[in-house]
Full PDB file with SEQRES, HELIX, SHEET, SSBOND, CRYST1, ORIGX, SCALE, CONECT and MASTER records, all heavy atoms in Angstrom:
SEQRES   1 A   43  TRP LEU ALA PHE ALA VAL LEU LEU LEU LEU VAL PRO LEU          
SEQRES   2 A   43  LEU VAL ALA LEU ASN VAL TRP ILE PRO ALA TRP VAL PRO          
SEQRES   3 A   43  PRO THR ALA LEU VAL LEU PRO ILE LEU VAL GLY SER LEU          
SEQRES   4 A   43  LEU LEU ARG PRO                                              
HELIX    1 AA1 LEU A    2  TRP A   20  1                                  19    
HELIX    2 AA2 PRO A   27  LEU A   30  5                                   4    
HELIX    3 AA3 VAL A   31  LEU A   40  1                                  10    
CRYST1    1.000    1.000    1.000  90.00  90.00  90.00 P 1           1          
ORIGX1      1.000000  0.000000  0.000000        0.00000                         
ORIGX2      0.000000  1.000000  0.000000        0.00000                         
ORIGX3      0.000000  0.000000  1.000000        0.00000                         
SCALE1      1.000000  0.000000  0.000000        0.00000                         
SCALE2      0.000000  1.000000  0.000000        0.00000                         
SCALE3      0.000000  0.000000  1.000000        0.00000                         
ATOM      1  N   TRP A   1       2.390  15.247 -61.891  1.00  0.00           N  
ATOM      2  CA  TRP A   1       2.777  13.956 -61.286  1.00  0.00           C  
ATOM      3  C   TRP A   1       1.785  12.861 -61.680  1.00  0.00           C  
ATOM      4  O   TRP A   1       2.170  11.690 -61.836  1.00  0.00           O  
ATOM      5  CB  TRP A   1       3.027  14.123 -59.855  1.00  0.00           C  
ATOM      6  CG  TRP A   1       1.715  14.547 -59.114  1.00  0.00           C  
ATOM      7  CD1 TRP A   1       1.374  15.766 -58.744  1.00  0.00           C  
ATOM      8  CD2 TRP A   1       0.755  13.654 -58.652  1.00  0.00           C  
ATOM      9  NE1 TRP A   1       0.141  15.780 -58.111  1.00  0.00           N  
ATOM     10  CE2 TRP A   1      -0.272  14.422 -57.881  1.00  0.00           C  
ATOM     11  CE3 TRP A   1       0.607  12.278 -58.636  1.00  0.00           C  
ATOM     12  CZ2 TRP A   1      -1.420  13.873 -57.367  1.00  0.00           C  
ATOM     13  CZ3 TRP A   1      -0.651  11.755 -58.067  1.00  0.00           C  
ATOM     14  CH2 TRP A   1      -1.505  12.554 -57.435  1.00  0.00           C  
ATOM     15  N   LEU A   2       0.478  13.286 -61.638  1.00  0.00           N  
ATOM     16  CA  LEU A   2      -0.447  12.332 -61.894  1.00  0.00           C  
ATOM     17  C   LEU A   2      -0.330  11.669 -63.364  1.00  0.00           C  
ATOM     18  O   LEU A   2      -0.335  10.433 -63.446  1.00  0.00           O  
ATOM     19  CB  LEU A   2      -1.790  12.889 -61.784  1.00  0.00           C  
ATOM     20  CG  LEU A   2      -3.027  11.908 -62.006  1.00  0.00           C  
ATOM     21  CD1 LEU A   2      -3.028  10.813 -61.002  1.00  0.00           C  
ATOM     22  CD2 LEU A   2      -4.369  12.610 -61.873  1.00  0.00           C  
ATOM     23  N   ALA A   3      -0.241  12.493 -64.356  1.00  0.00           N  
ATOM     24  CA  ALA A   3       0.104  11.951 -65.698  1.00  0.00           C  
ATOM     25  C   ALA A   3       1.266  11.316 -65.836  1.00  0.00           C  
ATOM     26  O   ALA A   3       1.390  10.207 -66.413  1.00  0.00           O  
ATOM     27  CB  ALA A   3       0.015  13.159 -66.639  1.00  0.00           C  
ATOM     28  N   PHE A   4       2.353  11.724 -65.165  1.00  0.00           N  
ATOM     29  CA  PHE A   4       3.603  10.990 -65.114  1.00  0.00           C  
ATOM     30  C   PHE A   4       3.565   9.686 -64.495  1.00  0.00           C  
ATOM     31  O   PHE A   4       4.097   8.697 -65.066  1.00  0.00           O  
ATOM     32  CB  PHE A   4       4.733  11.988 -64.429  1.00  0.00           C  
ATOM     33  CG  PHE A   4       6.013  11.199 -64.317  1.00  0.00           C  
ATOM     34  CD1 PHE A   4       6.732  10.960 -65.342  1.00  0.00           C  
ATOM     35  CD2 PHE A   4       6.509  10.842 -63.052  1.00  0.00           C  
ATOM     36  CE1 PHE A   4       8.041  10.409 -65.301  1.00  0.00           C  
ATOM     37  CE2 PHE A   4       7.715  10.215 -62.918  1.00  0.00           C  
ATOM     38  CZ  PHE A   4       8.523   9.962 -64.030  1.00  0.00           C  
ATOM     39  N   ALA A   5       2.878   9.568 -63.454  1.00  0.00           N  
ATOM     40  CA  ALA A   5       2.708   8.282 -62.855  1.00  0.00           C  
ATOM     41  C   ALA A   5       1.875   7.327 -63.657  1.00  0.00           C  
ATOM     42  O   ALA A   5       2.278   6.091 -63.771  1.00  0.00           O  
ATOM     43  CB  ALA A   5       2.050   8.486 -61.404  1.00  0.00           C  
ATOM     44  N   VAL A   6       0.860   7.717 -64.322  1.00  0.00           N  
ATOM     45  CA  VAL A   6       0.106   6.825 -65.090  1.00  0.00           C  
ATOM     46  C   VAL A   6       0.920   6.372 -66.277  1.00  0.00           C  
ATOM     47  O   VAL A   6       0.938   5.136 -66.631  1.00  0.00           O  
ATOM     48  CB  VAL A   6      -1.148   7.480 -65.514  1.00  0.00           C  
ATOM     49  CG1 VAL A   6      -2.033   6.693 -66.600  1.00  0.00           C  
ATOM     50  CG2 VAL A   6      -2.149   7.845 -64.444  1.00  0.00           C  
ATOM     51  N   LEU A   7       1.565   7.342 -66.895  1.00  0.00           N  
ATOM     52  CA  LEU A   7       2.411   6.929 -68.107  1.00  0.00           C  
ATOM     53  C   LEU A   7       3.598   6.059 -67.774  1.00  0.00           C  
ATOM     54  O   LEU A   7       3.984   5.144 -68.397  1.00  0.00           O  
ATOM     55  CB  LEU A   7       2.908   8.164 -68.805  1.00  0.00           C  
ATOM     56  CG  LEU A   7       1.761   9.006 -69.448  1.00  0.00           C  
ATOM     57  CD1 LEU A   7       2.397  10.286 -70.029  1.00  0.00           C  
ATOM     58  CD2 LEU A   7       1.050   8.204 -70.528  1.00  0.00           C  
ATOM     59  N   LEU A   8       4.149   6.230 -66.498  1.00  0.00           N  
ATOM     60  CA  LEU A   8       5.269   5.523 -66.024  1.00  0.00           C  
ATOM     61  C   LEU A   8       4.835   4.024 -65.642  1.00  0.00           C  
ATOM     62  O   LEU A   8       5.498   3.095 -66.000  1.00  0.00           O  
ATOM     63  CB  LEU A   8       5.744   6.134 -64.726  1.00  0.00           C  
ATOM     64  CG  LEU A   8       7.178   5.666 -64.321  1.00  0.00           C  
ATOM     65  CD1 LEU A   8       8.284   6.173 -65.373  1.00  0.00           C  
ATOM     66  CD2 LEU A   8       7.479   6.235 -63.065  1.00  0.00           C  
ATOM     67  N   LEU A   9       3.521   3.894 -65.313  1.00  0.00           N  
ATOM     68  CA  LEU A   9       2.961   2.480 -64.985  1.00  0.00           C  
ATOM     69  C   LEU A   9       2.593   1.846 -66.307  1.00  0.00           C  
ATOM     70  O   LEU A   9       2.652   0.576 -66.314  1.00  0.00           O  
ATOM     71  CB  LEU A   9       1.841   2.549 -64.060  1.00  0.00           C  
ATOM     72  CG  LEU A   9       2.062   3.038 -62.653  1.00  0.00           C  
ATOM     73  CD1 LEU A   9       0.810   3.099 -61.893  1.00  0.00           C  
ATOM     74  CD2 LEU A   9       3.073   1.999 -61.942  1.00  0.00           C  
ATOM     75  N   LEU A  10       2.332   2.600 -67.314  1.00  0.00           N  
ATOM     76  CA  LEU A  10       1.955   2.030 -68.553  1.00  0.00           C  
ATOM     77  C   LEU A  10       3.111   1.377 -69.287  1.00  0.00           C  
ATOM     78  O   LEU A  10       2.986   0.475 -70.075  1.00  0.00           O  
ATOM     79  CB  LEU A  10       1.332   3.118 -69.481  1.00  0.00           C  
ATOM     80  CG  LEU A  10       0.731   2.682 -70.847  1.00  0.00           C  
ATOM     81  CD1 LEU A  10      -0.340   1.639 -70.692  1.00  0.00           C  
ATOM     82  CD2 LEU A  10       0.310   3.909 -71.679  1.00  0.00           C  
ATOM     83  N   VAL A  11       4.413   1.921 -69.122  1.00  0.00           N  
ATOM     84  CA  VAL A  11       5.519   1.300 -69.697  1.00  0.00           C  
ATOM     85  C   VAL A  11       5.776  -0.162 -69.301  1.00  0.00           C  
ATOM     86  O   VAL A  11       5.867  -0.954 -70.303  1.00  0.00           O  
ATOM     87  CB  VAL A  11       6.766   2.217 -69.395  1.00  0.00           C  
ATOM     88  CG1 VAL A  11       8.088   1.442 -69.905  1.00  0.00           C  
ATOM     89  CG2 VAL A  11       6.728   3.479 -70.078  1.00  0.00           C  
ATOM     90  N   PRO A  12       5.796  -0.586 -67.977  1.00  0.00           N  
ATOM     91  CA  PRO A  12       6.053  -1.964 -67.696  1.00  0.00           C  
ATOM     92  C   PRO A  12       4.839  -2.808 -68.129  1.00  0.00           C  
ATOM     93  O   PRO A  12       5.035  -3.941 -68.362  1.00  0.00           O  
ATOM     94  CB  PRO A  12       6.267  -2.015 -66.192  1.00  0.00           C  
ATOM     95  CG  PRO A  12       5.685  -0.666 -65.714  1.00  0.00           C  
ATOM     96  CD  PRO A  12       5.887   0.280 -66.790  1.00  0.00           C  
ATOM     97  N   LEU A  13       3.677  -2.218 -68.175  1.00  0.00           N  
ATOM     98  CA  LEU A  13       2.431  -2.938 -68.690  1.00  0.00           C  
ATOM     99  C   LEU A  13       2.627  -3.459 -70.166  1.00  0.00           C  
ATOM    100  O   LEU A  13       2.342  -4.492 -70.534  1.00  0.00           O  
ATOM    101  CB  LEU A  13       1.196  -2.128 -68.456  1.00  0.00           C  
ATOM    102  CG  LEU A  13      -0.028  -2.766 -68.946  1.00  0.00           C  
ATOM    103  CD1 LEU A  13      -0.415  -4.104 -68.248  1.00  0.00           C  
ATOM    104  CD2 LEU A  13      -1.267  -1.773 -68.740  1.00  0.00           C  
ATOM    105  N   LEU A  14       3.073  -2.381 -70.994  1.00  0.00           N  
ATOM    106  CA  LEU A  14       3.305  -2.677 -72.365  1.00  0.00           C  
ATOM    107  C   LEU A  14       4.504  -3.669 -72.533  1.00  0.00           C  
ATOM    108  O   LEU A  14       4.424  -4.541 -73.457  1.00  0.00           O  
ATOM    109  CB  LEU A  14       3.614  -1.404 -73.027  1.00  0.00           C  
ATOM    110  CG  LEU A  14       2.439  -0.389 -73.154  1.00  0.00           C  
ATOM    111  CD1 LEU A  14       2.887   0.903 -73.898  1.00  0.00           C  
ATOM    112  CD2 LEU A  14       1.247  -0.984 -74.084  1.00  0.00           C  
ATOM    113  N   VAL A  15       5.430  -3.636 -71.684  1.00  0.00           N  
ATOM    114  CA  VAL A  15       6.536  -4.568 -71.731  1.00  0.00           C  
ATOM    115  C   VAL A  15       6.053  -5.945 -71.437  1.00  0.00           C  
ATOM    116  O   VAL A  15       6.373  -6.961 -72.100  1.00  0.00           O  
ATOM    117  CB  VAL A  15       7.711  -4.218 -70.811  1.00  0.00           C  
ATOM    118  CG1 VAL A  15       8.681  -5.227 -70.819  1.00  0.00           C  
ATOM    119  CG2 VAL A  15       8.365  -2.761 -71.269  1.00  0.00           C  
ATOM    120  N   ALA A  16       5.281  -6.061 -70.393  1.00  0.00           N  
ATOM    121  CA  ALA A  16       4.773  -7.409 -70.026  1.00  0.00           C  
ATOM    122  C   ALA A  16       3.816  -7.906 -71.128  1.00  0.00           C  
ATOM    123  O   ALA A  16       3.934  -9.151 -71.516  1.00  0.00           O  
ATOM    124  CB  ALA A  16       4.021  -7.271 -68.694  1.00  0.00           C  
ATOM    125  N   LEU A  17       2.993  -7.120 -71.786  1.00  0.00           N  
ATOM    126  CA  LEU A  17       2.043  -7.616 -72.767  1.00  0.00           C  
ATOM    127  C   LEU A  17       2.880  -7.953 -74.031  1.00  0.00           C  
ATOM    128  O   LEU A  17       2.534  -8.916 -74.783  1.00  0.00           O  
ATOM    129  CB  LEU A  17       1.139  -6.411 -73.085  1.00  0.00           C  
ATOM    130  CG  LEU A  17      -0.037  -6.131 -72.071  1.00  0.00           C  
ATOM    131  CD1 LEU A  17      -0.869  -4.936 -72.481  1.00  0.00           C  
ATOM    132  CD2 LEU A  17      -0.874  -7.398 -71.877  1.00  0.00           C  
ATOM    133  N   ASN A  18       4.085  -7.262 -74.227  1.00  0.00           N  
ATOM    134  CA  ASN A  18       4.881  -7.651 -75.453  1.00  0.00           C  
ATOM    135  C   ASN A  18       5.492  -8.972 -75.194  1.00  0.00           C  
ATOM    136  O   ASN A  18       5.641  -9.826 -76.231  1.00  0.00           O  
ATOM    137  CB  ASN A  18       6.054  -6.520 -75.567  1.00  0.00           C  
ATOM    138  CG  ASN A  18       6.936  -7.000 -76.678  1.00  0.00           C  
ATOM    139  OD1 ASN A  18       8.025  -7.478 -76.312  1.00  0.00           O  
ATOM    140  ND2 ASN A  18       6.538  -6.936 -77.978  1.00  0.00           N  
ATOM    141  N   VAL A  19       5.940  -9.347 -73.888  1.00  0.00           N  
ATOM    142  CA  VAL A  19       6.499 -10.583 -73.763  1.00  0.00           C  
ATOM    143  C   VAL A  19       5.392 -11.769 -73.773  1.00  0.00           C  
ATOM    144  O   VAL A  19       5.668 -12.804 -74.282  1.00  0.00           O  
ATOM    145  CB  VAL A  19       7.174 -10.568 -72.295  1.00  0.00           C  
ATOM    146  CG1 VAL A  19       7.658 -11.940 -71.904  1.00  0.00           C  
ATOM    147  CG2 VAL A  19       8.442  -9.583 -72.299  1.00  0.00           C  
ATOM    148  N   TRP A  20       4.266 -11.308 -73.303  1.00  0.00           N  
ATOM    149  CA  TRP A  20       3.212 -12.322 -73.158  1.00  0.00           C  
ATOM    150  C   TRP A  20       2.440 -12.553 -74.533  1.00  0.00           C  
ATOM    151  O   TRP A  20       2.361 -13.761 -74.978  1.00  0.00           O  
ATOM    152  CB  TRP A  20       2.123 -11.909 -72.112  1.00  0.00           C  
ATOM    153  CG  TRP A  20       0.922 -12.851 -71.949  1.00  0.00           C  
ATOM    154  CD1 TRP A  20       1.126 -14.307 -71.966  1.00  0.00           C  
ATOM    155  CD2 TRP A  20      -0.297 -12.507 -71.607  1.00  0.00           C  
ATOM    156  NE1 TRP A  20      -0.171 -14.849 -71.638  1.00  0.00           N  
ATOM    157  CE2 TRP A  20      -1.089 -13.723 -71.550  1.00  0.00           C  
ATOM    158  CE3 TRP A  20      -0.964 -11.289 -71.391  1.00  0.00           C  
ATOM    159  CZ2 TRP A  20      -2.465 -13.760 -71.211  1.00  0.00           C  
ATOM    160  CZ3 TRP A  20      -2.307 -11.275 -71.097  1.00  0.00           C  
ATOM    161  CH2 TRP A  20      -3.081 -12.558 -70.970  1.00  0.00           C  
ATOM    162  N   ILE A  21       2.020 -11.502 -75.157  1.00  0.00           N  
ATOM    163  CA  ILE A  21       1.449 -11.636 -76.468  1.00  0.00           C  
ATOM    164  C   ILE A  21       2.121 -10.708 -77.482  1.00  0.00           C  
ATOM    165  O   ILE A  21       1.608  -9.630 -77.931  1.00  0.00           O  
ATOM    166  CB  ILE A  21      -0.117 -11.238 -76.465  1.00  0.00           C  
ATOM    167  CG1 ILE A  21      -0.416  -9.926 -75.511  1.00  0.00           C  
ATOM    168  CG2 ILE A  21      -0.865 -12.425 -75.821  1.00  0.00           C  
ATOM    169  CD1 ILE A  21      -1.805  -9.571 -75.643  1.00  0.00           C  
ATOM    170  N   PRO A  22       3.384 -11.083 -77.856  1.00  0.00           N  
ATOM    171  CA  PRO A  22       4.099 -10.242 -78.852  1.00  0.00           C  
ATOM    172  C   PRO A  22       3.505  -9.916 -80.114  1.00  0.00           C  
ATOM    173  O   PRO A  22       3.775  -8.914 -80.820  1.00  0.00           O  
ATOM    174  CB  PRO A  22       5.419 -10.933 -78.902  1.00  0.00           C  
ATOM    175  CG  PRO A  22       5.135 -12.451 -78.672  1.00  0.00           C  
ATOM    176  CD  PRO A  22       4.084 -12.340 -77.631  1.00  0.00           C  
ATOM    177  N   ALA A  23       2.599 -10.933 -80.531  1.00  0.00           N  
ATOM    178  CA  ALA A  23       1.921 -10.699 -81.925  1.00  0.00           C  
ATOM    179  C   ALA A  23       0.864  -9.502 -81.925  1.00  0.00           C  
ATOM    180  O   ALA A  23       0.653  -8.907 -82.860  1.00  0.00           O  
ATOM    181  CB  ALA A  23       1.252 -11.912 -82.289  1.00  0.00           C  
ATOM    182  N   TRP A  24       0.326  -9.240 -80.740  1.00  0.00           N  
ATOM    183  CA  TRP A  24      -0.537  -8.204 -80.619  1.00  0.00           C  
ATOM    184  C   TRP A  24       0.022  -6.825 -79.967  1.00  0.00           C  
ATOM    185  O   TRP A  24      -0.524  -5.771 -80.235  1.00  0.00           O  
ATOM    186  CB  TRP A  24      -1.772  -8.663 -79.544  1.00  0.00           C  
ATOM    187  CG  TRP A  24      -2.558  -9.652 -80.253  1.00  0.00           C  
ATOM    188  CD1 TRP A  24      -2.460 -11.036 -80.220  1.00  0.00           C  
ATOM    189  CD2 TRP A  24      -3.557  -9.453 -81.172  1.00  0.00           C  
ATOM    190  NE1 TRP A  24      -3.400 -11.667 -80.945  1.00  0.00           N  
ATOM    191  CE2 TRP A  24      -4.172 -10.725 -81.387  1.00  0.00           C  
ATOM    192  CE3 TRP A  24      -4.353  -8.314 -81.687  1.00  0.00           C  
ATOM    193  CZ2 TRP A  24      -5.180 -10.924 -82.356  1.00  0.00           C  
ATOM    194  CZ3 TRP A  24      -5.375  -8.475 -82.529  1.00  0.00           C  
ATOM    195  CH2 TRP A  24      -5.820  -9.723 -82.882  1.00  0.00           C  
ATOM    196  N   VAL A  25       1.059  -6.963 -79.130  1.00  0.00           N  
ATOM    197  CA  VAL A  25       1.732  -5.773 -78.665  1.00  0.00           C  
ATOM    198  C   VAL A  25       3.201  -5.705 -79.067  1.00  0.00           C  
ATOM    199  O   VAL A  25       4.082  -6.323 -78.442  1.00  0.00           O  
ATOM    200  CB  VAL A  25       1.650  -5.810 -77.121  1.00  0.00           C  
ATOM    201  CG1 VAL A  25       2.183  -4.443 -76.499  1.00  0.00           C  
ATOM    202  CG2 VAL A  25       0.147  -5.888 -76.718  1.00  0.00           C  
ATOM    203  N   PRO A  26       3.456  -5.040 -80.238  1.00  0.00           N  
ATOM    204  CA  PRO A  26       4.832  -5.078 -80.621  1.00  0.00           C  
ATOM    205  C   PRO A  26       5.698  -4.130 -79.822  1.00  0.00           C  
ATOM    206  O   PRO A  26       5.193  -3.269 -79.065  1.00  0.00           O  
ATOM    207  CB  PRO A  26       4.719  -4.559 -82.202  1.00  0.00           C  
ATOM    208  CG  PRO A  26       3.410  -3.691 -82.091  1.00  0.00           C  
ATOM    209  CD  PRO A  26       2.636  -4.350 -81.107  1.00  0.00           C  
ATOM    210  N   PRO A  27       6.970  -4.019 -79.992  1.00  0.00           N  
ATOM    211  CA  PRO A  27       7.959  -3.101 -79.223  1.00  0.00           C  
ATOM    212  C   PRO A  27       7.633  -1.770 -79.520  1.00  0.00           C  
ATOM    213  O   PRO A  27       7.760  -0.747 -78.715  1.00  0.00           O  
ATOM    214  CB  PRO A  27       9.309  -3.562 -79.756  1.00  0.00           C  
ATOM    215  CG  PRO A  27       9.105  -4.857 -80.147  1.00  0.00           C  
ATOM    216  CD  PRO A  27       7.862  -5.066 -80.769  1.00  0.00           C  
ATOM    217  N   THR A  28       7.076  -1.481 -80.674  1.00  0.00           N  
ATOM    218  CA  THR A  28       6.776  -0.078 -81.052  1.00  0.00           C  
ATOM    219  C   THR A  28       5.560   0.533 -80.273  1.00  0.00           C  
ATOM    220  O   THR A  28       5.198   1.822 -80.402  1.00  0.00           O  
ATOM    221  CB  THR A  28       6.424   0.214 -82.631  1.00  0.00           C  
ATOM    222  OG1 THR A  28       5.505  -0.858 -82.994  1.00  0.00           O  
ATOM    223  CG2 THR A  28       7.707  -0.013 -83.401  1.00  0.00           C  
ATOM    224  N   ALA A  29       4.864  -0.395 -79.544  1.00  0.00           N  
ATOM    225  CA  ALA A  29       3.760   0.156 -78.712  1.00  0.00           C  
ATOM    226  C   ALA A  29       4.178   1.186 -77.667  1.00  0.00           C  
ATOM    227  O   ALA A  29       3.344   1.964 -77.086  1.00  0.00           O  
ATOM    228  CB  ALA A  29       3.017  -0.982 -78.087  1.00  0.00           C  
ATOM    229  N   LEU A  30       5.567   1.261 -77.287  1.00  0.00           N  
ATOM    230  CA  LEU A  30       6.095   2.161 -76.377  1.00  0.00           C  
ATOM    231  C   LEU A  30       5.934   3.525 -76.914  1.00  0.00           C  
ATOM    232  O   LEU A  30       6.073   4.552 -76.153  1.00  0.00           O  
ATOM    233  CB  LEU A  30       7.577   1.738 -75.948  1.00  0.00           C  
ATOM    234  CG  LEU A  30       7.682   0.491 -75.080  1.00  0.00           C  
ATOM    235  CD1 LEU A  30       9.203   0.068 -74.950  1.00  0.00           C  
ATOM    236  CD2 LEU A  30       7.101   0.814 -73.773  1.00  0.00           C  
ATOM    237  N   VAL A  31       5.674   3.621 -78.222  1.00  0.00           N  
ATOM    238  CA  VAL A  31       5.413   5.049 -78.761  1.00  0.00           C  
ATOM    239  C   VAL A  31       4.266   5.624 -78.072  1.00  0.00           C  
ATOM    240  O   VAL A  31       4.256   6.942 -77.947  1.00  0.00           O  
ATOM    241  CB  VAL A  31       5.236   4.910 -80.308  1.00  0.00           C  
ATOM    242  CG1 VAL A  31       4.685   6.217 -80.874  1.00  0.00           C  
ATOM    243  CG2 VAL A  31       6.542   4.521 -80.986  1.00  0.00           C  
ATOM    244  N   LEU A  32       3.252   4.913 -77.752  1.00  0.00           N  
ATOM    245  CA  LEU A  32       1.981   5.519 -77.061  1.00  0.00           C  
ATOM    246  C   LEU A  32       2.333   6.340 -75.932  1.00  0.00           C  
ATOM    247  O   LEU A  32       1.989   7.561 -75.846  1.00  0.00           O  
ATOM    248  CB  LEU A  32       1.030   4.430 -76.905  1.00  0.00           C  
ATOM    249  CG  LEU A  32       0.463   3.569 -78.050  1.00  0.00           C  
ATOM    250  CD1 LEU A  32      -0.488   2.509 -77.554  1.00  0.00           C  
ATOM    251  CD2 LEU A  32      -0.183   4.589 -79.054  1.00  0.00           C  
ATOM    252  N   PRO A  33       2.895   5.854 -74.884  1.00  0.00           N  
ATOM    253  CA  PRO A  33       3.198   6.662 -73.637  1.00  0.00           C  
ATOM    254  C   PRO A  33       4.086   7.733 -73.905  1.00  0.00           C  
ATOM    255  O   PRO A  33       4.075   8.904 -73.462  1.00  0.00           O  
ATOM    256  CB  PRO A  33       3.775   5.789 -72.661  1.00  0.00           C  
ATOM    257  CG  PRO A  33       4.240   4.534 -73.412  1.00  0.00           C  
ATOM    258  CD  PRO A  33       3.352   4.432 -74.550  1.00  0.00           C  
ATOM    259  N   ILE A  34       5.046   7.589 -74.945  1.00  0.00           N  
ATOM    260  CA  ILE A  34       6.001   8.592 -75.317  1.00  0.00           C  
ATOM    261  C   ILE A  34       5.288   9.790 -75.982  1.00  0.00           C  
ATOM    262  O   ILE A  34       5.461  10.945 -75.670  1.00  0.00           O  
ATOM    263  CB  ILE A  34       7.107   8.134 -76.179  1.00  0.00           C  
ATOM    264  CG1 ILE A  34       8.006   7.189 -75.365  1.00  0.00           C  
ATOM    265  CG2 ILE A  34       7.936   9.252 -76.869  1.00  0.00           C  
ATOM    266  CD1 ILE A  34       9.130   6.479 -76.161  1.00  0.00           C  
ATOM    267  N   LEU A  35       4.281   9.508 -76.826  1.00  0.00           N  
ATOM    268  CA  LEU A  35       3.560  10.451 -77.538  1.00  0.00           C  
ATOM    269  C   LEU A  35       2.703  11.269 -76.689  1.00  0.00           C  
ATOM    270  O   LEU A  35       2.583  12.404 -76.762  1.00  0.00           O  
ATOM    271  CB  LEU A  35       2.824   9.797 -78.807  1.00  0.00           C  
ATOM    272  CG  LEU A  35       2.074  10.688 -79.529  1.00  0.00           C  
ATOM    273  CD1 LEU A  35       2.903  11.682 -80.392  1.00  0.00           C  
ATOM    274  CD2 LEU A  35       1.180   9.838 -80.618  1.00  0.00           C  
ATOM    275  N   VAL A  36       1.913  10.566 -75.867  1.00  0.00           N  
ATOM    276  CA  VAL A  36       1.094  11.131 -74.816  1.00  0.00           C  
ATOM    277  C   VAL A  36       1.874  12.016 -73.903  1.00  0.00           C  
ATOM    278  O   VAL A  36       1.442  13.250 -73.609  1.00  0.00           O  
ATOM    279  CB  VAL A  36       0.225  10.011 -74.121  1.00  0.00           C  
ATOM    280  CG1 VAL A  36      -0.596  10.861 -73.000  1.00  0.00           C  
ATOM    281  CG2 VAL A  36      -0.650   9.403 -75.174  1.00  0.00           C  
ATOM    282  N   GLY A  37       2.982  11.587 -73.412  1.00  0.00           N  
ATOM    283  CA  GLY A  37       3.943  12.341 -72.624  1.00  0.00           C  
ATOM    284  C   GLY A  37       4.384  13.616 -73.129  1.00  0.00           C  
ATOM    285  O   GLY A  37       4.515  14.704 -72.485  1.00  0.00           O  
ATOM    286  N   SER A  38       4.710  13.556 -74.446  1.00  0.00           N  
ATOM    287  CA  SER A  38       5.097  14.856 -75.172  1.00  0.00           C  
ATOM    288  C   SER A  38       4.136  15.858 -75.086  1.00  0.00           C  
ATOM    289  O   SER A  38       4.367  17.105 -75.188  1.00  0.00           O  
ATOM    290  CB  SER A  38       5.614  14.528 -76.525  1.00  0.00           C  
ATOM    291  OG  SER A  38       4.464  14.161 -77.362  1.00  0.00           O  
ATOM    292  N   LEU A  39       2.884  15.456 -75.039  1.00  0.00           N  
ATOM    293  CA  LEU A  39       1.729  16.525 -74.933  1.00  0.00           C  
ATOM    294  C   LEU A  39       1.364  16.887 -73.498  1.00  0.00           C  
ATOM    295  O   LEU A  39       0.807  17.995 -73.296  1.00  0.00           O  
ATOM    296  CB  LEU A  39       0.505  15.890 -75.633  1.00  0.00           C  
ATOM    297  CG  LEU A  39       0.661  15.564 -77.179  1.00  0.00           C  
ATOM    298  CD1 LEU A  39      -0.567  14.898 -77.727  1.00  0.00           C  
ATOM    299  CD2 LEU A  39       1.075  16.738 -77.918  1.00  0.00           C  
ATOM    300  N   LEU A  40       1.654  16.080 -72.550  1.00  0.00           N  
ATOM    301  CA  LEU A  40       1.170  16.334 -71.163  1.00  0.00           C  
ATOM    302  C   LEU A  40       2.310  16.746 -70.325  1.00  0.00           C  
ATOM    303  O   LEU A  40       1.874  17.370 -69.225  1.00  0.00           O  
ATOM    304  CB  LEU A  40       0.337  15.117 -70.624  1.00  0.00           C  
ATOM    305  CG  LEU A  40      -0.798  14.661 -71.401  1.00  0.00           C  
ATOM    306  CD1 LEU A  40      -1.452  13.412 -70.785  1.00  0.00           C  
ATOM    307  CD2 LEU A  40      -1.776  15.816 -71.531  1.00  0.00           C  
ATOM    308  N   LEU A  41       3.605  16.259 -70.412  1.00  0.00           N  
ATOM    309  CA  LEU A  41       4.487  16.417 -69.388  1.00  0.00           C  
ATOM    310  C   LEU A  41       5.482  17.609 -69.653  1.00  0.00           C  
ATOM    311  O   LEU A  41       5.686  17.927 -70.807  1.00  0.00           O  
ATOM    312  CB  LEU A  41       5.368  15.090 -69.377  1.00  0.00           C  
ATOM    313  CG  LEU A  41       4.509  13.859 -68.991  1.00  0.00           C  
ATOM    314  CD1 LEU A  41       5.433  12.692 -68.929  1.00  0.00           C  
ATOM    315  CD2 LEU A  41       3.770  13.955 -67.741  1.00  0.00           C  
ATOM    316  N   ARG A  42       6.096  17.970 -68.569  1.00  0.00           N  
ATOM    317  CA  ARG A  42       7.200  18.995 -68.769  1.00  0.00           C  
ATOM    318  C   ARG A  42       8.430  18.212 -69.209  1.00  0.00           C  
ATOM    319  O   ARG A  42       8.545  16.977 -69.112  1.00  0.00           O  
ATOM    320  CB  ARG A  42       7.459  19.490 -67.264  1.00  0.00           C  
ATOM    321  CG  ARG A  42       6.371  20.456 -66.885  1.00  0.00           C  
ATOM    322  CD  ARG A  42       6.741  21.212 -65.496  1.00  0.00           C  
ATOM    323  NE  ARG A  42       5.677  22.145 -65.088  1.00  0.00           N  
ATOM    324  CZ  ARG A  42       4.815  21.825 -64.166  1.00  0.00           C  
ATOM    325  NH1 ARG A  42       4.683  20.662 -63.606  1.00  0.00           N  
ATOM    326  NH2 ARG A  42       3.945  22.744 -63.862  1.00  0.00           N  
ATOM    327  N   PRO A  43       9.417  18.929 -69.780  1.00  0.00           N  
ATOM    328  CA  PRO A  43      10.590  18.262 -70.298  1.00  0.00           C  
ATOM    329  C   PRO A  43      11.360  17.402 -69.325  1.00  0.00           C  
ATOM    330  O   PRO A  43      11.742  16.332 -69.580  1.00  0.00           O  
ATOM    331  CB  PRO A  43      11.529  19.461 -70.719  1.00  0.00           C  
ATOM    332  CG  PRO A  43      10.553  20.603 -71.017  1.00  0.00           C  
ATOM    333  CD  PRO A  43       9.304  20.453 -69.984  1.00  0.00           C  
TER     334      PRO A  43                                                      
MASTER        0    0    0    3    0    0    0    6  333    1    0    4          
END                                                                             
């Protein structure tokens, strides 16, 4: 649950940064929590 909560909060943060500074945070930045989640979370 702890890793899930942290990664879940990271998603809206990346969305907000993409809207605010899209040149620095592209939509593909959402790959980061997805990739980390595949290593830490249950299915």
